[in-house]
């Protein structure tokens, strides 16, 4: 096996292990809404969110991916989902209903709540009771709710969403993210 294929196999195995760990954490049915967060930008948080969402959906679990990075959505920029008229920002503003912002994808059992318009200061919207209502409704309709949040480094959006989640997956770039920042982010999540 070539080194590249071996590396890809290792990466795939890590994602499968993450999925399995999440499935086994379900013994008491407590972990359903999962916040995927990082300390700083460019640690791979959105990539992990998407891979985890896809693996859970492909394993037969109805799963929805919610993009709450209303300032700088990687999902919106990298993975252009076509046909999006209304997104999370419309729902939180009261301009759209639940059914208008949950989109079917080509992944069986996989749905997405995208960001349709980037905002400069979304904290007020994320603090609105509609955010909690949305997550509660998604948790009723889906086995897993994966939330792609902004990094914790200098804005409170990620920590705010973490308070509405059952658990968190923290993505850290090995050898690059300072340990002090990782500790600080863990304290924010707690």
C-alpha atoms as a PDB file:
ATOM      1  CA  UNK A   1       0.000   0.000   0.000  1.00  0.00           C
ATOM      2  CA  UNK A   2       1.425   3.397  -0.965  1.00  0.00           C
ATOM      3  CA  UNK A   3       2.084   5.966   1.739  1.00  0.00           C
ATOM      4  CA  UNK A   4      -0.687   8.211   0.390  1.00  0.00           C
ATOM      5  CA  UNK A   5      -3.239   5.393   0.425  1.00  0.00           C
ATOM      6  CA  UNK A   6      -2.080   4.378   3.906  1.00  0.00           C
ATOM      7  CA  UNK A   7      -2.486   7.976   5.150  1.00  0.00           C
ATOM      8  CA  UNK A   8      -6.001   8.175   3.664  1.00  0.00           C
ATOM      9  CA  UNK A   9      -6.860   4.841   5.264  1.00  0.00           C
ATOM     10  CA  UNK A  10      -5.636   6.181   8.627  1.00  0.00           C
ATOM     11  CA  UNK A  11      -7.719   9.358   8.251  1.00  0.00           C
ATOM     12  CA  UNK A  12     -10.821   7.373   7.279  1.00  0.00           C
ATOM     13  CA  UNK A  13     -10.292   5.091  10.279  1.00  0.00           C
ATOM     14  CA  UNK A  14     -10.066   8.090  12.626  1.00  0.00           C
ATOM     15  CA  UNK A  15     -13.408   9.397  11.342  1.00  0.00           C
ATOM     16  CA  UNK A  16     -15.004   5.960  11.717  1.00  0.00           C
ATOM     17  CA  UNK A  17     -13.669   5.790  15.292  1.00  0.00           C
ATOM     18  CA  UNK A  18     -15.179   9.202  16.038  1.00  0.00           C
ATOM     19  CA  UNK A  19     -18.543   8.033  14.669  1.00  0.00           C
ATOM     20  CA  UNK A  20     -18.346   4.831  16.704  1.00  0.00           C
ATOM     21  CA  UNK A  21     -17.471   6.737  19.879  1.00  0.00           C
ATOM     22  CA  UNK A  22     -20.489   8.984  19.359  1.00  0.00           C
ATOM     23  CA  UNK A  23     -22.732   5.972  18.753  1.00  0.00           C
ATOM     24  CA  UNK A  24     -21.476   4.259  21.934  1.00  0.00           C
ATOM     25  CA  UNK A  25     -22.020   7.432  23.939  1.00  0.00           C
ATOM     26  CA  UNK A  26     -25.718   6.919  23.200  1.00  0.00           C
ATOM     27  CA  UNK A  27     -26.185   4.301  25.924  1.00  0.00           C
ATOM     28  CA  UNK A  28     -28.215   6.816  27.955  1.00  0.00           C
ATOM     29  CA  UNK A  29     -29.506   8.713  24.882  1.00  0.00           C
ATOM     30  CA  UNK A  30     -27.905  11.922  26.177  1.00  0.00           C
ATOM     31  CA  UNK A  31     -25.705  12.935  23.224  1.00  0.00           C
ATOM     32  CA  UNK A  32     -27.741  14.053  20.239  1.00  0.00           C
ATOM     33  CA  UNK A  33     -26.906  17.702  19.535  1.00  0.00           C
ATOM     34  CA  UNK A  34     -23.156  17.842  18.870  1.00  0.00           C
ATOM     35  CA  UNK A  35     -21.211  21.060  18.573  1.00  0.00           C
ATOM     36  CA  UNK A  36     -18.045  20.850  16.424  1.00  0.00           C
ATOM     37  CA  UNK A  37     -15.700  23.649  17.408  1.00  0.00           C
ATOM     38  CA  UNK A  38     -12.072  24.718  17.148  1.00  0.00           C
ATOM     39  CA  UNK A  39      -9.845  27.171  18.941  1.00  0.00           C
ATOM     40  CA  UNK A  40      -8.699  29.198  15.937  1.00  0.00           C
ATOM     41  CA  UNK A  41      -9.610  29.330  12.225  1.00  0.00           C
ATOM     42  CA  UNK A  42      -8.220  26.802   9.742  1.00  0.00           C
ATOM     43  CA  UNK A  43      -7.994  23.835  12.099  1.00  0.00           C
ATOM     44  CA  UNK A  44     -10.314  21.696   9.977  1.00  0.00           C
ATOM     45  CA  UNK A  45     -13.509  22.112  11.994  1.00  0.00           C
ATOM     46  CA  UNK A  46     -15.827  22.393   8.997  1.00  0.00           C
ATOM     47  CA  UNK A  47     -14.167  19.403   7.333  1.00  0.00           C
ATOM     48  CA  UNK A  48     -14.690  17.329  10.486  1.00  0.00           C
ATOM     49  CA  UNK A  49     -18.309  18.536  10.744  1.00  0.00           C
ATOM     50  CA  UNK A  50     -19.063  17.494   7.184  1.00  0.00           C
ATOM     51  CA  UNK A  51     -17.302  14.120   7.417  1.00  0.00           C
ATOM     52  CA  UNK A  52     -18.997  13.273  10.719  1.00  0.00           C
ATOM     53  CA  UNK A  53     -22.412  14.325   9.370  1.00  0.00           C
ATOM     54  CA  UNK A  54     -21.913  12.248   6.234  1.00  0.00           C
ATOM     55  CA  UNK A  55     -20.695   9.147   8.104  1.00  0.00           C
ATOM     56  CA  UNK A  56     -23.604   9.220  10.549  1.00  0.00           C
ATOM     57  CA  UNK A  57     -26.134   9.708   7.742  1.00  0.00           C
ATOM     58  CA  UNK A  58     -24.598   6.954   5.608  1.00  0.00           C
ATOM     59  CA  UNK A  59     -24.725   4.624   8.628  1.00  0.00           C
ATOM     60  CA  UNK A  60     -28.512   5.019   8.519  1.00  0.00           C
ATOM     61  CA  UNK A  61     -29.006   7.672  11.186  1.00  0.00           C
ATOM     62  CA  UNK A  62     -31.170  10.644  10.158  1.00  0.00           C
ATOM     63  CA  UNK A  63     -28.661  13.476  10.610  1.00  0.00           C
ATOM     64  CA  UNK A  64     -28.782  17.209   9.997  1.00  0.00           C
ATOM     65  CA  UNK A  65     -25.800  19.550   9.659  1.00  0.00           C
ATOM     66  CA  UNK A  66     -26.423  23.072  10.967  1.00  0.00           C
ATOM     67  CA  UNK A  67     -24.064  25.836   9.853  1.00  0.00           C
ATOM     68  CA  UNK A  68     -24.011  28.522  12.537  1.00  0.00           C
ATOM     69  CA  UNK A  69     -20.891  30.332  11.386  1.00  0.00           C
ATOM     70  CA  UNK A  70     -22.880  33.375  10.344  1.00  0.00           C
ATOM     71  CA  UNK A  71     -19.750  35.546  10.078  1.00  0.00           C
ATOM     72  CA  UNK A  72     -17.480  33.439   7.872  1.00  0.00           C
ATOM     73  CA  UNK A  73     -19.164  30.230   6.792  1.00  0.00           C
ATOM     74  CA  UNK A  74     -16.743  27.730   5.296  1.00  0.00           C
ATOM     75  CA  UNK A  75     -19.669  25.570   4.279  1.00  0.00           C
ATOM     76  CA  UNK A  76     -21.199  28.427   2.310  1.00  0.00           C
ATOM     77  CA  UNK A  77     -17.883  29.353   0.702  1.00  0.00           C
ATOM     78  CA  UNK A  78     -16.411  25.888   0.015  1.00  0.00           C
ATOM     79  CA  UNK A  79     -19.422  23.667  -0.494  1.00  0.00           C
ATOM     80  CA  UNK A  80     -21.835  25.767  -2.467  1.00  0.00           C
ATOM     81  CA  UNK A  81     -25.201  24.163  -1.964  1.00  0.00           C
ATOM     82  CA  UNK A  82     -27.381  25.198  -4.888  1.00  0.00           C
ATOM     83  CA  UNK A  83     -30.936  26.394  -4.628  1.00  0.00           C
ATOM     84  CA  UNK A  84     -30.665  27.938  -1.182  1.00  0.00           C
ATOM     85  CA  UNK A  85     -33.121  30.783  -0.825  1.00  0.00           C
ATOM     86  CA  UNK A  86     -33.455  31.009   2.943  1.00  0.00           C
ATOM     87  CA  UNK A  87     -31.092  29.849   5.649  1.00  0.00           C
ATOM     88  CA  UNK A  88     -30.438  29.960   9.368  1.00  0.00           C
ATOM     89  CA  UNK A  89     -30.204  33.744   9.378  1.00  0.00           C
ATOM     90  CA  UNK A  90     -33.703  34.018   7.866  1.00  0.00           C
ATOM     91  CA  UNK A  91     -35.142  31.631  10.446  1.00  0.00           C
ATOM     92  CA  UNK A  92     -33.518  33.441  13.371  1.00  0.00           C
ATOM     93  CA  UNK A  93     -34.754  36.788  12.029  1.00  0.00           C
ATOM     94  CA  UNK A  94     -38.318  35.454  11.817  1.00  0.00           C
ATOM     95  CA  UNK A  95     -38.337  35.746   8.013  1.00  0.00           C
ATOM     96  CA  UNK A  96     -38.614  32.001   7.376  1.00  0.00           C
ATOM     97  CA  UNK A  97     -40.124  28.959   9.032  1.00  0.00           C
ATOM     98  CA  UNK A  98     -38.478  25.661   9.992  1.00  0.00           C
ATOM     99  CA  UNK A  99     -39.583  23.891   6.804  1.00  0.00           C
ATOM    100  CA  UNK A 100     -38.053  26.670   4.690  1.00  0.00           C
ATOM    101  CA  UNK A 101     -34.498  26.291   6.033  1.00  0.00           C
ATOM    102  CA  UNK A 102     -33.989  22.512   6.283  1.00  0.00           C
ATOM    103  CA  UNK A 103     -32.702  21.241   2.925  1.00  0.00           C
ATOM    104  CA  UNK A 104     -32.475  17.707   1.611  1.00  0.00           C
ATOM    105  CA  UNK A 105     -29.103  16.712   0.158  1.00  0.00           C
ATOM    106  CA  UNK A 106     -27.834  13.929  -2.072  1.00  0.00           C
ATOM    107  CA  UNK A 107     -26.642  12.092   1.064  1.00  0.00           C
ATOM    108  CA  UNK A 108     -29.289   9.556   2.157  1.00  0.00           C
ATOM    109  CA  UNK A 109     -30.542  10.502   5.661  1.00  0.00           C
ATOM    110  CA  UNK A 110     -28.535  13.768   5.427  1.00  0.00           C
ATOM    111  CA  UNK A 111     -30.116  17.201   5.618  1.00  0.00           C
ATOM    112  CA  UNK A 112     -28.585  20.643   6.085  1.00  0.00           C
ATOM    113  CA  UNK A 113     -29.542  23.991   7.579  1.00  0.00           C
ATOM    114  CA  UNK A 114     -27.240  26.389   5.719  1.00  0.00           C
ATOM    115  CA  UNK A 115     -26.269  30.014   6.097  1.00  0.00           C
ATOM    116  CA  UNK A 116     -27.623  32.014   3.188  1.00  0.00           C
ATOM    117  CA  UNK A 117     -26.229  35.457   4.019  1.00  0.00           C
ATOM    118  CA  UNK A 118     -23.133  36.279   6.063  1.00  0.00           C
ATOM    119  CA  UNK A 119     -23.558  38.767   8.905  1.00  0.00           C
ATOM    120  CA  UNK A 120     -21.095  40.977  10.754  1.00  0.00           C
ATOM    121  CA  UNK A 121     -22.611  40.675  14.239  1.00  0.00           C
ATOM    122  CA  UNK A 122     -24.851  37.602  14.560  1.00  0.00           C
ATOM    123  CA  UNK A 123     -24.576  37.197  18.358  1.00  0.00           C
ATOM    124  CA  UNK A 124     -27.978  38.829  18.922  1.00  0.00           C
ATOM    125  CA  UNK A 125     -29.599  36.359  16.519  1.00  0.00           C
ATOM    126  CA  UNK A 126     -27.840  33.367  18.093  1.00  0.00           C
ATOM    127  CA  UNK A 127     -29.024  34.482  21.546  1.00  0.00           C
ATOM    128  CA  UNK A 128     -32.631  34.672  20.341  1.00  0.00           C
ATOM    129  CA  UNK A 129     -34.952  31.966  21.720  1.00  0.00           C
ATOM    130  CA  UNK A 130     -35.594  30.850  18.119  1.00  0.00           C
ATOM    131  CA  UNK A 131     -32.106  29.273  18.057  1.00  0.00           C
ATOM    132  CA  UNK A 132     -32.974  26.992  20.959  1.00  0.00           C
ATOM    133  CA  UNK A 133     -36.383  26.262  19.409  1.00  0.00           C
ATOM    134  CA  UNK A 134     -34.701  25.300  16.130  1.00  0.00           C
ATOM    135  CA  UNK A 135     -32.269  22.927  17.841  1.00  0.00           C
ATOM    136  CA  UNK A 136     -35.094  21.366  19.873  1.00  0.00           C
ATOM    137  CA  UNK A 137     -37.195  20.788  16.744  1.00  0.00           C
ATOM    138  CA  UNK A 138     -34.210  19.344  14.856  1.00  0.00           C
ATOM    139  CA  UNK A 139     -33.506  17.011  17.799  1.00  0.00           C
ATOM    140  CA  UNK A 140     -37.111  15.765  17.536  1.00  0.00           C
ATOM    141  CA  UNK A 141     -36.800  15.107  13.799  1.00  0.00           C
ATOM    142  CA  UNK A 142     -33.218  13.764  13.557  1.00  0.00           C
ATOM    143  CA  UNK A 143     -31.137  11.240  15.482  1.00  0.00           C
ATOM    144  CA  UNK A 144     -28.107  13.538  15.323  1.00  0.00           C
ATOM    145  CA  UNK A 145     -27.747  17.290  14.972  1.00  0.00           C
ATOM    146  CA  UNK A 146     -24.190  18.269  13.997  1.00  0.00           C
ATOM    147  CA  UNK A 147     -23.447  21.968  14.490  1.00  0.00           C
ATOM    148  CA  UNK A 148     -20.548  23.632  12.672  1.00  0.00           C
ATOM    149  CA  UNK A 149     -19.670  26.643  14.828  1.00  0.00           C
ATOM    150  CA  UNK A 150     -17.201  29.502  14.565  1.00  0.00           C
ATOM    151  CA  UNK A 151     -13.815  29.167  16.308  1.00  0.00           C
ATOM    152  CA  UNK A 152     -13.631  30.132  19.970  1.00  0.00           C
ATOM    153  CA  UNK A 153     -10.564  32.389  19.630  1.00  0.00           C
ATOM    154  CA  UNK A 154     -12.082  35.856  19.716  1.00  0.00           C
ATOM    155  CA  UNK A 155     -15.863  35.607  19.485  1.00  0.00           C
ATOM    156  CA  UNK A 156     -18.437  34.096  21.804  1.00  0.00           C
ATOM    157  CA  UNK A 157     -20.678  32.463  19.174  1.00  0.00           C
ATOM    158  CA  UNK A 158     -19.133  28.998  19.541  1.00  0.00           C
ATOM    159  CA  UNK A 159     -19.361  28.990  23.332  1.00  0.00           C
ATOM    160  CA  UNK A 160     -22.952  30.226  23.168  1.00  0.00           C
ATOM    161  CA  UNK A 161     -23.947  27.385  20.843  1.00  0.00           C
ATOM    162  CA  UNK A 162     -22.032  24.906  23.018  1.00  0.00           C
ATOM    163  CA  UNK A 163     -24.340  25.821  25.902  1.00  0.00           C
ATOM    164  CA  UNK A 164     -27.264  24.598  23.746  1.00  0.00           C
ATOM    165  CA  UNK A 165     -25.554  21.309  22.810  1.00  0.00           C
ATOM    166  CA  UNK A 166     -25.365  17.917  24.465  1.00  0.00           C
ATOM    167  CA  UNK A 167     -21.678  17.517  23.693  1.00  0.00           C
ATOM    168  CA  UNK A 168     -18.780  18.932  21.727  1.00  0.00           C
ATOM    169  CA  UNK A 169     -16.045  17.717  19.427  1.00  0.00           C
ATOM    170  CA  UNK A 170     -13.073  20.036  19.624  1.00  0.00           C
ATOM    171  CA  UNK A 171     -10.809  20.086  16.580  1.00  0.00           C
ATOM    172  CA  UNK A 172      -7.170  21.056  17.203  1.00  0.00           C
ATOM    173  CA  UNK A 173      -4.361  21.294  14.683  1.00  0.00           C
ATOM    174  CA  UNK A 174      -1.610  19.165  16.185  1.00  0.00           C
ATOM    175  CA  UNK A 175       1.714  20.896  16.676  1.00  0.00           C
ATOM    176  CA  UNK A 176       0.382  24.308  15.644  1.00  0.00           C
ATOM    177  CA  UNK A 177      -2.321  25.423  18.048  1.00  0.00           C
ATOM    178  CA  UNK A 178      -0.753  26.652  21.304  1.00  0.00           C
ATOM    179  CA  UNK A 179      -1.663  24.495  24.298  1.00  0.00           C
ATOM    180  CA  UNK A 180      -2.661  27.572  26.290  1.00  0.00           C
ATOM    181  CA  UNK A 181      -5.297  28.422  23.677  1.00  0.00           C
ATOM    182  CA  UNK A 182      -6.603  24.863  23.728  1.00  0.00           C
ATOM    183  CA  UNK A 183      -6.908  24.987  27.534  1.00  0.00           C
ATOM    184  CA  UNK A 184      -8.680  28.348  27.295  1.00  0.00           C
ATOM    185  CA  UNK A 185     -11.120  26.954  24.722  1.00  0.00           C
ATOM    186  CA  UNK A 186     -11.851  23.919  26.886  1.00  0.00           C
ATOM    187  CA  UNK A 187     -12.604  26.254  29.802  1.00  0.00           C
ATOM    188  CA  UNK A 188     -15.001  28.228  27.593  1.00  0.00           C
ATOM    189  CA  UNK A 189     -16.809  25.033  26.643  1.00  0.00           C
ATOM    190  CA  UNK A 190     -17.100  23.941  30.267  1.00  0.00           C
END
